[in-house]
PDB file of N, CA and C in Angstrom:
ATOM      1  N   UNK A   1     104.010 122.154  76.544  1.00  0.00           N
ATOM      2  CA  UNK A   1     105.379 121.048  77.813  1.00  0.00           C
ATOM      3  C   UNK A   1     104.146 120.362  78.261  1.00  0.00           C
ATOM      4  N   UNK A   2     103.905 118.868  78.426  1.00  0.00           N
ATOM      5  CA  UNK A   2     103.023 118.214  79.246  1.00  0.00           C
ATOM      6  C   UNK A   2     103.741 118.458  80.905  1.00  0.00           C
ATOM      7  N   UNK A   3     102.632 118.867  81.711  1.00  0.00           N
ATOM      8  CA  UNK A   3     102.905 118.906  82.768  1.00  0.00           C
ATOM      9  C   UNK A   3     101.846 118.362  83.798  1.00  0.00           C
ATOM     10  N   UNK A   4     102.262 117.659  84.973  1.00  0.00           N
ATOM     11  CA  UNK A   4     101.854 117.470  86.013  1.00  0.00           C
ATOM     12  C   UNK A   4     101.336 117.837  87.356  1.00  0.00           C
ATOM     13  N   UNK A   5     100.998 118.609  88.122  1.00  0.00           N
ATOM     14  CA  UNK A   5     101.730 119.126  89.236  1.00  0.00           C
ATOM     15  C   UNK A   5     100.288 118.353  90.470  1.00  0.00           C
ATOM     16  N   UNK A   6     101.085 118.016  91.203  1.00  0.00           N
ATOM     17  CA  UNK A   6     100.303 117.958  92.270  1.00  0.00           C
ATOM     18  C   UNK A   6     100.114 118.760  93.335  1.00  0.00           C
ATOM     19  N   UNK A   7      99.654 118.686  94.517  1.00  0.00           N
ATOM     20  CA  UNK A   7      99.351 119.581  95.470  1.00  0.00           C
ATOM     21  C   UNK A   7      98.160 118.890  96.161  1.00  0.00           C
ATOM     22  N   UNK A   8      98.329 119.400  97.709  1.00  0.00           N
ATOM     23  CA  UNK A   8      97.381 118.788  98.930  1.00  0.00           C
ATOM     24  C   UNK A   8      98.036 118.126  99.273  1.00  0.00           C
ATOM     25  N   UNK A   9      99.319 117.512  99.884  1.00  0.00           N
ATOM     26  CA  UNK A   9      99.918 117.105 100.699  1.00  0.00           C
ATOM     27  C   UNK A   9     100.244 117.317 102.138  1.00  0.00           C
ATOM     28  N   UNK A  10     101.080 117.290 103.140  1.00  0.00           N
ATOM     29  CA  UNK A  10     101.211 117.725 104.291  1.00  0.00           C
ATOM     30  C   UNK A  10     100.876 116.516 105.285  1.00  0.00           C
ATOM     31  N   UNK A  11     100.611 117.079 106.324  1.00  0.00           N
ATOM     32  CA  UNK A  11     101.002 116.577 107.300  1.00  0.00           C
ATOM     33  C   UNK A  11      99.629 116.096 108.202  1.00  0.00           C
ATOM     34  N   UNK A  12      99.404 115.222 108.681  1.00  0.00           N
ATOM     35  CA  UNK A  12      97.819 114.648 109.007  1.00  0.00           C
ATOM     36  C   UNK A  12      97.818 113.657 110.241  1.00  0.00           C
ATOM     37  N   UNK A  13      96.960 114.279 111.365  1.00  0.00           N
ATOM     38  CA  UNK A  13      97.065 113.055 112.020  1.00  0.00           C
ATOM     39  C   UNK A  13      96.532 111.513 111.979  1.00  0.00           C
ATOM     40  N   UNK A  14      96.434 110.270 112.362  1.00  0.00           N
ATOM     41  CA  UNK A  14      96.029 109.412 111.945  1.00  0.00           C
ATOM     42  C   UNK A  14      94.526 109.224 112.042  1.00  0.00           C
ATOM     43  N   UNK A  15      93.780 108.982 110.806  1.00  0.00           N
ATOM     44  CA  UNK A  15      92.312 109.132 111.168  1.00  0.00           C
ATOM     45  C   UNK A  15      92.021 110.119 110.377  1.00  0.00           C
ATOM     46  N   UNK A  16      92.233 111.370 110.143  1.00  0.00           N
ATOM     47  CA  UNK A  16      92.466 112.568 109.449  1.00  0.00           C
ATOM     48  C   UNK A  16      92.403 112.158 108.054  1.00  0.00           C
ATOM     49  N   UNK A  17      92.129 113.328 107.269  1.00  0.00           N
ATOM     50  CA  UNK A  17      91.950 113.684 106.037  1.00  0.00           C
ATOM     51  C   UNK A  17      92.737 114.382 105.088  1.00  0.00           C
ATOM     52  N   UNK A  18      92.918 114.272 103.930  1.00  0.00           N
ATOM     53  CA  UNK A  18      93.599 114.981 103.173  1.00  0.00           C
ATOM     54  C   UNK A  18      92.951 115.008 101.625  1.00  0.00           C
ATOM     55  N   UNK A  19      93.167 115.774 100.872  1.00  0.00           N
ATOM     56  CA  UNK A  19      92.221 115.695  99.504  1.00  0.00           C
ATOM     57  C   UNK A  19      93.726 116.387  98.334  1.00  0.00           C
ATOM     58  N   UNK A  20      94.447 115.161  98.033  1.00  0.00           N
ATOM     59  CA  UNK A  20      95.452 115.602  96.641  1.00  0.00           C
ATOM     60  C   UNK A  20      94.920 116.091  95.484  1.00  0.00           C
ATOM     61  N   UNK A  21      95.446 116.569  94.694  1.00  0.00           N
ATOM     62  CA  UNK A  21      95.016 117.364  93.587  1.00  0.00           C
ATOM     63  C   UNK A  21      95.770 117.265  92.296  1.00  0.00           C
ATOM     64  N   UNK A  22      95.756 116.720  91.128  1.00  0.00           N
ATOM     65  CA  UNK A  22      96.819 116.374  90.233  1.00  0.00           C
ATOM     66  C   UNK A  22      96.197 117.572  89.146  1.00  0.00           C
ATOM     67  N   UNK A  23      96.589 118.486  88.459  1.00  0.00           N
ATOM     68  CA  UNK A  23      96.338 119.521  87.254  1.00  0.00           C
ATOM     69  C   UNK A  23      97.552 119.551  86.077  1.00  0.00           C
ATOM     70  N   UNK A  24      96.810 119.188  85.340  1.00  0.00           N
ATOM     71  CA  UNK A  24      97.194 118.738  83.928  1.00  0.00           C
ATOM     72  C   UNK A  24      97.098 119.762  83.212  1.00  0.00           C
ATOM     73  N   UNK A  25      97.982 119.651  82.354  1.00  0.00           N
ATOM     74  CA  UNK A  25      98.569 120.553  80.976  1.00  0.00           C
ATOM     75  C   UNK A  25      99.203 120.177  79.767  1.00  0.00           C
ATOM     76  N   UNK A  26      99.065 120.430  78.294  1.00  0.00           N
ATOM     77  CA  UNK A  26     100.040 120.434  77.867  1.00  0.00           C
ATOM     78  C   UNK A  26      99.724 119.287  76.737  1.00  0.00           C
ATOM     79  N   UNK A  27      98.591 118.448  77.309  1.00  0.00           N
ATOM     80  CA  UNK A  27      97.933 117.121  76.306  1.00  0.00           C
ATOM     81  C   UNK A  27      96.500 117.215  76.650  1.00  0.00           C
ATOM     82  N   UNK A  28      95.983 116.136  75.682  1.00  0.00           N
ATOM     83  CA  UNK A  28      94.187 116.202  75.505  1.00  0.00           C
ATOM     84  C   UNK A  28      94.034 115.362  77.036  1.00  0.00           C
ATOM     85  N   UNK A  29      93.352 116.160  78.097  1.00  0.00           N
ATOM     86  CA  UNK A  29      93.271 115.517  79.491  1.00  0.00           C
ATOM     87  C   UNK A  29      92.046 114.281  79.304  1.00  0.00           C
ATOM     88  N   UNK A  30      90.995 114.769  78.366  1.00  0.00           N
ATOM     89  CA  UNK A  30      89.701 113.314  78.486  1.00  0.00           C
ATOM     90  C   UNK A  30      90.508 112.286  77.423  1.00  0.00           C
ATOM     91  N   UNK A  31      91.960 111.727  76.843  1.00  0.00           N
ATOM     92  CA  UNK A  31      92.230 110.924  76.292  1.00  0.00           C
ATOM     93  C   UNK A  31      92.720 110.084  77.031  1.00  0.00           C
ATOM     94  N   UNK A  32      93.193 110.589  78.238  1.00  0.00           N
ATOM     95  CA  UNK A  32      94.278 109.818  79.369  1.00  0.00           C
ATOM     96  C   UNK A  32      93.422 109.780  80.715  1.00  0.00           C
ATOM     97  N   UNK A  33      94.264 108.238  81.105  1.00  0.00           N
ATOM     98  CA  UNK A  33      93.547 107.794  82.165  1.00  0.00           C
ATOM     99  C   UNK A  33      94.741 108.501  83.036  1.00  0.00           C
ATOM    100  N   UNK A  34      94.356 108.935  84.100  1.00  0.00           N
ATOM    101  CA  UNK A  34      94.909 109.795  85.507  1.00  0.00           C
ATOM    102  C   UNK A  34      95.128 108.620  86.767  1.00  0.00           C
ATOM    103  N   UNK A  35      96.451 108.631  87.164  1.00  0.00           N
ATOM    104  CA  UNK A  35      96.603 107.664  88.277  1.00  0.00           C
ATOM    105  C   UNK A  35      97.273 108.445  89.432  1.00  0.00           C
ATOM    106  N   UNK A  36      97.052 107.839  90.795  1.00  0.00           N
ATOM    107  CA  UNK A  36      98.172 108.249  91.541  1.00  0.00           C
ATOM    108  C   UNK A  36      98.758 106.550  92.255  1.00  0.00           C
ATOM    109  N   UNK A  37     100.224 107.281  92.219  1.00  0.00           N
ATOM    110  CA  UNK A  37     100.684 105.937  92.457  1.00  0.00           C
ATOM    111  C   UNK A  37     101.665 106.687  94.452  1.00  0.00           C
ATOM    112  N   UNK A  38     101.907 106.370  94.933  1.00  0.00           N
ATOM    113  CA  UNK A  38     102.796 106.400  95.943  1.00  0.00           C
ATOM    114  C   UNK A  38     104.229 105.225  96.323  1.00  0.00           C
ATOM    115  N   UNK A  39     105.358 105.877  97.089  1.00  0.00           N
ATOM    116  CA  UNK A  39     106.432 105.289  97.517  1.00  0.00           C
ATOM    117  C   UNK A  39     106.612 105.709  98.772  1.00  0.00           C
ATOM    118  N   UNK A  40     106.802 105.101  99.579  1.00  0.00           N
ATOM    119  CA  UNK A  40     107.231 104.976 101.020  1.00  0.00           C
ATOM    120  C   UNK A  40     108.758 104.562 101.004  1.00  0.00           C
ATOM    121  N   UNK A  41     109.750 104.975 101.969  1.00  0.00           N
ATOM    122  CA  UNK A  41     111.163 104.770 101.988  1.00  0.00           C
ATOM    123  C   UNK A  41     111.103 103.164 102.178  1.00  0.00           C
ATOM    124  N   UNK A  42     112.012 102.321 101.370  1.00  0.00           N
ATOM    125  CA  UNK A  42     112.521 101.238 101.494  1.00  0.00           C
ATOM    126  C   UNK A  42     111.422 100.179 100.929  1.00  0.00           C
ATOM    127  N   UNK A  43     110.455 100.804 100.314  1.00  0.00           N
ATOM    128  CA  UNK A  43     109.381 100.278  99.449  1.00  0.00           C
ATOM    129  C   UNK A  43     109.128 100.188  98.145  1.00  0.00           C
ATOM    130  N   UNK A  44     108.484  99.560  97.078  1.00  0.00           N
ATOM    131  CA  UNK A  44     108.515  99.593  95.753  1.00  0.00           C
ATOM    132  C   UNK A  44     107.202 101.079  95.250  1.00  0.00           C
ATOM    133  N   UNK A  45     107.365 101.332  93.993  1.00  0.00           N
ATOM    134  CA  UNK A  45     106.649 102.185  93.778  1.00  0.00           C
ATOM    135  C   UNK A  45     104.844 101.205  93.902  1.00  0.00           C
ATOM    136  N   UNK A  46     104.208 101.592  94.160  1.00  0.00           N
ATOM    137  CA  UNK A  46     102.737 100.697  93.986  1.00  0.00           C
ATOM    138  C   UNK A  46     101.744 102.001  93.819  1.00  0.00           C
ATOM    139  N   UNK A  47     100.616 101.580  93.038  1.00  0.00           N
ATOM    140  CA  UNK A  47      99.187 102.219  92.028  1.00  0.00           C
ATOM    141  C   UNK A  47      98.393 101.934  93.342  1.00  0.00           C
ATOM    142  N   UNK A  48      97.919 103.389  93.279  1.00  0.00           N
ATOM    143  CA  UNK A  48      96.771 103.660  94.441  1.00  0.00           C
ATOM    144  C   UNK A  48      95.447 103.645  93.844  1.00  0.00           C
ATOM    145  N   UNK A  49      95.350 104.263  93.096  1.00  0.00           N
ATOM    146  CA  UNK A  49      94.364 104.701  92.465  1.00  0.00           C
ATOM    147  C   UNK A  49      93.868 105.246  90.934  1.00  0.00           C
ATOM    148  N   UNK A  50      92.760 104.589  90.316  1.00  0.00           N
ATOM    149  CA  UNK A  50      93.791 105.729  88.609  1.00  0.00           C
ATOM    150  C   UNK A  50      92.077 105.324  87.794  1.00  0.00           C
ATOM    151  N   UNK A  51      91.435 106.779  86.940  1.00  0.00           N
ATOM    152  CA  UNK A  51      90.400 106.720  86.796  1.00  0.00           C
ATOM    153  C   UNK A  51      90.655 106.472  85.183  1.00  0.00           C
ATOM    154  N   UNK A  52      90.056 105.670  84.541  1.00  0.00           N
ATOM    155  CA  UNK A  52      89.650 106.207  82.981  1.00  0.00           C
ATOM    156  C   UNK A  52      89.108 107.017  82.434  1.00  0.00           C
ATOM    157  N   UNK A  53      89.381 107.865  81.753  1.00  0.00           N
ATOM    158  CA  UNK A  53      88.439 109.030  80.922  1.00  0.00           C
ATOM    159  C   UNK A  53      87.744 108.595  80.192  1.00  0.00           C
ATOM    160  N   UNK A  54      88.085 107.618  79.441  1.00  0.00           N
ATOM    161  CA  UNK A  54      87.380 106.743  78.014  1.00  0.00           C
ATOM    162  C   UNK A  54      86.309 106.353  78.562  1.00  0.00           C
ATOM    163  N   UNK A  55      86.358 105.662  79.763  1.00  0.00           N
ATOM    164  CA  UNK A  55      84.687 105.216  80.324  1.00  0.00           C
ATOM    165  C   UNK A  55      84.439 105.285  81.398  1.00  0.00           C
ATOM    166  N   UNK A  56      85.360 106.212  82.472  1.00  0.00           N
ATOM    167  CA  UNK A  56      84.964 106.464  83.720  1.00  0.00           C
ATOM    168  C   UNK A  56      84.973 105.541  84.793  1.00  0.00           C
ATOM    169  N   UNK A  57      85.907 104.536  84.276  1.00  0.00           N
ATOM    170  CA  UNK A  57      85.986 103.518  85.368  1.00  0.00           C
ATOM    171  C   UNK A  57      87.123 103.603  86.417  1.00  0.00           C
ATOM    172  N   UNK A  58      87.042 103.098  87.526  1.00  0.00           N
ATOM    173  CA  UNK A  58      87.921 103.535  88.535  1.00  0.00           C
ATOM    174  C   UNK A  58      88.757 102.016  88.950  1.00  0.00           C
ATOM    175  N   UNK A  59      90.259 102.489  89.271  1.00  0.00           N
ATOM    176  CA  UNK A  59      90.456 101.486  90.299  1.00  0.00           C
ATOM    177  C   UNK A  59      91.439 101.755  91.520  1.00  0.00           C
ATOM    178  N   UNK A  60      91.769 101.214  92.739  1.00  0.00           N
ATOM    179  CA  UNK A  60      91.864 101.570  94.030  1.00  0.00           C
ATOM    180  C   UNK A  60      92.225  99.935  94.244  1.00  0.00           C
ATOM    181  N   UNK A  61      93.815 100.517  94.679  1.00  0.00           N
ATOM    182  CA  UNK A  61      94.557  99.178  95.699  1.00  0.00           C
ATOM    183  C   UNK A  61      93.267  98.761  96.957  1.00  0.00           C
ATOM    184  N   UNK A  62      93.911  97.662  97.077  1.00  0.00           N
ATOM    185  CA  UNK A  62      93.436  97.265  98.329  1.00  0.00           C
ATOM    186  C   UNK A  62      93.247  97.668  98.989  1.00  0.00           C
ATOM    187  N   UNK A  63      94.313  98.255  99.748  1.00  0.00           N
ATOM    188  CA  UNK A  63      94.585  98.378 101.091  1.00  0.00           C
ATOM    189  C   UNK A  63      94.315  99.773 101.226  1.00  0.00           C
ATOM    190  N   UNK A  64      93.585 100.841 100.166  1.00  0.00           N
ATOM    191  CA  UNK A  64      92.473 101.855 100.380  1.00  0.00           C
ATOM    192  C   UNK A  64      91.486 101.907 100.215  1.00  0.00           C
ATOM    193  N   UNK A  65      90.921 100.638  99.597  1.00  0.00           N
ATOM    194  CA  UNK A  65      89.595 100.546  99.030  1.00  0.00           C
ATOM    195  C   UNK A  65      88.608 100.870 100.375  1.00  0.00           C
ATOM    196  N   UNK A  66      87.680 101.842 100.541  1.00  0.00           N
ATOM    197  CA  UNK A  66      86.785 102.062 101.226  1.00  0.00           C
ATOM    198  C   UNK A  66      87.002 103.783 101.984  1.00  0.00           C
ATOM    199  N   UNK A  67      88.329 103.662 101.876  1.00  0.00           N
ATOM    200  CA  UNK A  67      89.047 105.145 102.616  1.00  0.00           C
ATOM    201  C   UNK A  67      89.449 106.007 101.516  1.00  0.00           C
ATOM    202  N   UNK A  68      89.491 105.855 100.333  1.00  0.00           N
ATOM    203  CA  UNK A  68      89.793 106.548  99.187  1.00  0.00           C
ATOM    204  C   UNK A  68      89.435 106.649  98.198  1.00  0.00           C
ATOM    205  N   UNK A  69      88.897 107.765  97.728  1.00  0.00           N
ATOM    206  CA  UNK A  69      87.862 108.092  96.348  1.00  0.00           C
ATOM    207  C   UNK A  69      88.525 109.094  95.539  1.00  0.00           C
ATOM    208  N   UNK A  70      88.504 108.719  94.227  1.00  0.00           N
ATOM    209  CA  UNK A  70      89.511 108.946  93.113  1.00  0.00           C
ATOM    210  C   UNK A  70      87.880 110.022  92.027  1.00  0.00           C
ATOM    211  N   UNK A  71      88.452 111.449  91.594  1.00  0.00           N
ATOM    212  CA  UNK A  71      87.049 112.091  90.780  1.00  0.00           C
ATOM    213  C   UNK A  71      88.029 112.942  90.142  1.00  0.00           C
ATOM    214  N   UNK A  72      87.146 113.163  89.420  1.00  0.00           N
ATOM    215  CA  UNK A  72      88.289 114.339  87.848  1.00  0.00           C
ATOM    216  C   UNK A  72      87.242 115.755  87.712  1.00  0.00           C
ATOM    217  N   UNK A  73      87.388 116.697  87.746  1.00  0.00           N
ATOM    218  CA  UNK A  73      86.737 118.090  87.366  1.00  0.00           C
ATOM    219  C   UNK A  73      87.828 117.991  86.127  1.00  0.00           C
ATOM    220  N   UNK A  74      86.574 117.707  84.965  1.00  0.00           N
ATOM    221  CA  UNK A  74      86.980 118.063  83.349  1.00  0.00           C
ATOM    222  C   UNK A  74      87.560 119.060  82.810  1.00  0.00           C
ATOM    223  N   UNK A  75      86.361 120.269  83.540  1.00  0.00           N
ATOM    224  CA  UNK A  75      86.395 121.479  83.202  1.00  0.00           C
ATOM    225  C   UNK A  75      87.956 122.643  83.789  1.00  0.00           C
ATOM    226  N   UNK A  76      88.528 121.662  84.505  1.00  0.00           N
ATOM    227  CA  UNK A  76      89.660 122.070  85.324  1.00  0.00           C
ATOM    228  C   UNK A  76      90.868 121.217  84.722  1.00  0.00           C
ATOM    229  N   UNK A  77      90.597 120.402  84.548  1.00  0.00           N
ATOM    230  CA  UNK A  77      91.641 119.217  83.955  1.00  0.00           C
ATOM    231  C   UNK A  77      92.738 118.896  85.106  1.00  0.00           C
ATOM    232  N   UNK A  78      91.811 118.664  86.261  1.00  0.00           N
ATOM    233  CA  UNK A  78      92.048 118.071  87.635  1.00  0.00           C
ATOM    234  C   UNK A  78      91.547 116.850  88.175  1.00  0.00           C
ATOM    235  N   UNK A  79      92.267 116.415  88.658  1.00  0.00           N
ATOM    236  CA  UNK A  79      91.364 114.889  89.192  1.00  0.00           C
ATOM    237  C   UNK A  79      92.342 115.196  90.545  1.00  0.00           C
ATOM    238  N   UNK A  80      91.614 114.577  91.498  1.00  0.00           N
ATOM    239  CA  UNK A  80      91.450 114.852  92.987  1.00  0.00           C
ATOM    240  C   UNK A  80      91.509 113.188  93.344  1.00  0.00           C
ATOM    241  N   UNK A  81      92.679 113.223  94.657  1.00  0.00           N
ATOM    242  CA  UNK A  81      92.062 111.729  95.326  1.00  0.00           C
ATOM    243  C   UNK A  81      92.083 111.946  96.719  1.00  0.00           C
ATOM    244  N   UNK A  82      90.390 112.013  97.615  1.00  0.00           N
ATOM    245  CA  UNK A  82      90.256 112.220  98.452  1.00  0.00           C
ATOM    246  C   UNK A  82      90.562 111.166  99.403  1.00  0.00           C
ATOM    247  N   UNK A  83      91.321 111.316 100.821  1.00  0.00           N
ATOM    248  CA  UNK A  83      91.417 110.358 101.723  1.00  0.00           C
ATOM    249  C   UNK A  83      91.302 110.332 102.460  1.00  0.00           C
ATOM    250  N   UNK A  84      90.163 109.494 103.451  1.00  0.00           N
ATOM    251  CA  UNK A  84      89.933 109.408 104.665  1.00  0.00           C
ATOM    252  C   UNK A  84      90.608 108.263 105.604  1.00  0.00           C
ATOM    253  N   UNK A  85      89.955 109.029 106.610  1.00  0.00           N
ATOM    254  CA  UNK A  85      90.442 107.723 107.713  1.00  0.00           C
ATOM    255  C   UNK A  85      92.136 107.408 107.319  1.00  0.00           C
ATOM    256  N   UNK A  86      92.896 108.306 107.169  1.00  0.00           N
ATOM    257  CA  UNK A  86      94.455 107.637 107.035  1.00  0.00           C
ATOM    258  C   UNK A  86      95.217 107.461 108.260  1.00  0.00           C
ATOM    259  N   UNK A  87      96.063 106.377 107.676  1.00  0.00           N
ATOM    260  CA  UNK A  87      96.591 105.494 108.468  1.00  0.00           C
ATOM    261  C   UNK A  87      98.136 105.545 109.011  1.00  0.00           C
ATOM    262  N   UNK A  88      99.372 105.044 109.388  1.00  0.00           N
ATOM    263  CA  UNK A  88     100.546 105.825 109.090  1.00  0.00           C
ATOM    264  C   UNK A  88     101.300 105.061 107.935  1.00  0.00           C
ATOM    265  N   UNK A  89     100.482 104.334 108.021  1.00  0.00           N
ATOM    266  CA  UNK A  89     100.781 103.120 106.269  1.00  0.00           C
ATOM    267  C   UNK A  89     100.497 104.260 105.439  1.00  0.00           C
ATOM    268  N   UNK A  90     100.094 104.981 105.202  1.00  0.00           N
ATOM    269  CA  UNK A  90      99.879 106.048 104.091  1.00  0.00           C
ATOM    270  C   UNK A  90     100.796 106.426 103.777  1.00  0.00           C
ATOM    271  N   UNK A  91     101.758 107.268 104.696  1.00  0.00           N
ATOM    272  CA  UNK A  91     103.101 107.824 104.761  1.00  0.00           C
ATOM    273  C   UNK A  91     103.391 107.164 103.089  1.00  0.00           C
ATOM    274  N   UNK A  92     104.003 108.474 102.277  1.00  0.00           N
ATOM    275  CA  UNK A  92     104.786 108.324 101.582  1.00  0.00           C
ATOM    276  C   UNK A  92     104.715 109.474 100.197  1.00  0.00           C
ATOM    277  N   UNK A  93     105.431 109.410  99.266  1.00  0.00           N
ATOM    278  CA  UNK A  93     105.259 110.260  98.679  1.00  0.00           C
ATOM    279  C   UNK A  93     104.486 109.880  97.734  1.00  0.00           C
ATOM    280  N   UNK A  94     103.084 110.986  97.125  1.00  0.00           N
ATOM    281  CA  UNK A  94     102.001 110.230  95.979  1.00  0.00           C
ATOM    282  C   UNK A  94     102.728 111.062  94.803  1.00  0.00           C
ATOM    283  N   UNK A  95     102.492 110.136  93.672  1.00  0.00           N
ATOM    284  CA  UNK A  95     102.774 110.834  92.589  1.00  0.00           C
ATOM    285  C   UNK A  95     101.584 110.800  91.928  1.00  0.00           C
ATOM    286  N   UNK A  96     101.234 111.918  91.033  1.00  0.00           N
ATOM    287  CA  UNK A  96     100.364 111.675  89.491  1.00  0.00           C
ATOM    288  C   UNK A  96     100.552 111.044  88.671  1.00  0.00           C
ATOM    289  N   UNK A  97     100.037 110.124  87.682  1.00  0.00           N
ATOM    290  CA  UNK A  97     100.724 109.541  86.482  1.00  0.00           C
ATOM    291  C   UNK A  97      99.343 110.072  85.128  1.00  0.00           C
ATOM    292  N   UNK A  98      99.916 110.186  84.085  1.00  0.00           N
ATOM    293  CA  UNK A  98      98.946 109.777  82.985  1.00  0.00           C
ATOM    294  C   UNK A  98      99.204 109.147  82.037  1.00  0.00           C
ATOM    295  N   UNK A  99      98.811 108.477  81.441  1.00  0.00           N
ATOM    296  CA  UNK A  99      98.810 107.711  79.960  1.00  0.00           C
ATOM    297  C   UNK A  99      97.382 107.052  79.682  1.00  0.00           C
ATOM    298  N   UNK A 100      97.582 106.564  78.258  1.00  0.00           N
ATOM    299  CA  UNK A 100      96.500 106.037  77.638  1.00  0.00           C
ATOM    300  C   UNK A 100      95.736 104.651  78.332  1.00  0.00           C
ATOM    301  N   UNK A 101      96.152 104.218  79.153  1.00  0.00           N
ATOM    302  CA  UNK A 101      95.253 103.269  79.843  1.00  0.00           C
ATOM    303  C   UNK A 101      96.435 103.294  81.617  1.00  0.00           C
ATOM    304  N   UNK A 102      95.671 102.724  82.678  1.00  0.00           N
ATOM    305  CA  UNK A 102      96.074 103.467  83.906  1.00  0.00           C
ATOM    306  C   UNK A 102      97.102 102.258  84.319  1.00  0.00           C
ATOM    307  N   UNK A 103      97.464 101.255  83.307  1.00  0.00           N
ATOM    308  CA  UNK A 103      98.524 100.780  83.479  1.00  0.00           C
ATOM    309  C   UNK A 103     100.016 101.097  83.020  1.00  0.00           C
ATOM    310  N   UNK A 104      99.445 101.926  82.528  1.00  0.00           N
ATOM    311  CA  UNK A 104     100.640 102.525  80.832  1.00  0.00           C
ATOM    312  C   UNK A 104     101.098 103.804  81.038  1.00  0.00           C
ATOM    313  N   UNK A 105     101.513 104.347  82.474  1.00  0.00           N
ATOM    314  CA  UNK A 105     101.448 105.830  82.563  1.00  0.00           C
ATOM    315  C   UNK A 105     102.602 106.263  81.558  1.00  0.00           C
ATOM    316  N   UNK A 106     102.181 107.441  81.212  1.00  0.00           N
ATOM    317  CA  UNK A 106     103.536 108.202  79.957  1.00  0.00           C
ATOM    318  C   UNK A 106     104.419 109.482  80.677  1.00  0.00           C
ATOM    319  N   UNK A 107     103.539 110.079  81.762  1.00  0.00           N
ATOM    320  CA  UNK A 107     103.923 111.175  82.454  1.00  0.00           C
ATOM    321  C   UNK A 107     103.823 111.049  83.956  1.00  0.00           C
ATOM    322  N   UNK A 108     104.551 111.501  84.564  1.00  0.00           N
ATOM    323  CA  UNK A 108     104.465 111.826  85.932  1.00  0.00           C
ATOM    324  C   UNK A 108     104.625 113.306  86.529  1.00  0.00           C
ATOM    325  N   UNK A 109     104.224 113.420  87.329  1.00  0.00           N
ATOM    326  CA  UNK A 109     104.371 114.946  87.879  1.00  0.00           C
ATOM    327  C   UNK A 109     105.889 114.523  89.155  1.00  0.00           C
ATOM    328  N   UNK A 110     105.877 115.717  89.750  1.00  0.00           N
ATOM    329  CA  UNK A 110     106.735 115.614  90.664  1.00  0.00           C
ATOM    330  C   UNK A 110     107.053 114.898  92.508  1.00  0.00           C
ATOM    331  N   UNK A 111     105.630 114.933  92.706  1.00  0.00           N
ATOM    332  CA  UNK A 111     105.279 114.112  93.300  1.00  0.00           C
ATOM    333  C   UNK A 111     104.396 115.088  94.989  1.00  0.00           C
ATOM    334  N   UNK A 112     103.848 114.550  95.818  1.00  0.00           N
ATOM    335  CA  UNK A 112     103.671 115.622  97.356  1.00  0.00           C
ATOM    336  C   UNK A 112     103.442 114.768  98.228  1.00  0.00           C
ATOM    337  N   UNK A 113     104.465 114.833  99.299  1.00  0.00           N
ATOM    338  CA  UNK A 113     104.580 114.471 100.749  1.00  0.00           C
ATOM    339  C   UNK A 113     103.057 114.131 101.732  1.00  0.00           C
ATOM    340  N   UNK A 114     103.166 112.980 101.620  1.00  0.00           N
ATOM    341  CA  UNK A 114     101.825 112.719 102.600  1.00  0.00           C
ATOM    342  C   UNK A 114     102.200 112.124 103.641  1.00  0.00           C
ATOM    343  N   UNK A 115     102.505 112.268 105.062  1.00  0.00           N
ATOM    344  CA  UNK A 115     102.771 112.309 106.247  1.00  0.00           C
ATOM    345  C   UNK A 115     101.820 111.764 107.215  1.00  0.00           C
ATOM    346  N   UNK A 116     101.540 110.942 108.032  1.00  0.00           N
ATOM    347  CA  UNK A 116     100.141 110.614 108.568  1.00  0.00           C
ATOM    348  C   UNK A 116     101.306 109.908 109.985  1.00  0.00           C
ATOM    349  N   UNK A 117     100.940 110.700 110.940  1.00  0.00           N
ATOM    350  CA  UNK A 117     101.328 110.429 112.200  1.00  0.00           C
ATOM    351  C   UNK A 117     100.528 110.107 113.482  1.00  0.00           C
ATOM    352  N   UNK A 118     100.848 109.033 114.375  1.00  0.00           N
ATOM    353  CA  UNK A 118     100.214 108.087 115.195  1.00  0.00           C
ATOM    354  C   UNK A 118      99.512 108.905 116.194  1.00  0.00           C
TER     355      UNK A 118
END
C-alpha cells in the first residue's frame, strides 16, 4: 500500500521555523517527484514546493521563495520542507504528494497542520 506520512507541523510564532517531514513507502521513491501543497480555510489548495527525483530540480511558489527549502534523504525515503521566517499567511494544512511529475500528483498524505501566530 502506498503511504505518505507527514509530520513536523505545529504552532509557531511569526519569525520562527518548522521542518516538515514526508516519509514515503509502498512505491519506488526515486522514480517520483515529491511535493508539498497547502490549503488554508477559504482558499484553494496551492503548490508550495516540489523536488524531482529524476533530475533533482526544485520548484518553489513565489510566496515562499527565500524562506522555504525542500530536500530529500533518499536513504530514508523522506522529503523535508524547512520553513523559516514563518508568517501568519503560512498557516494552513500542509500535504505531501507524490507523482511522476511535480504537476501531476498521484498519492497524497493526510496532512499536517501548521499554525503561525502573530
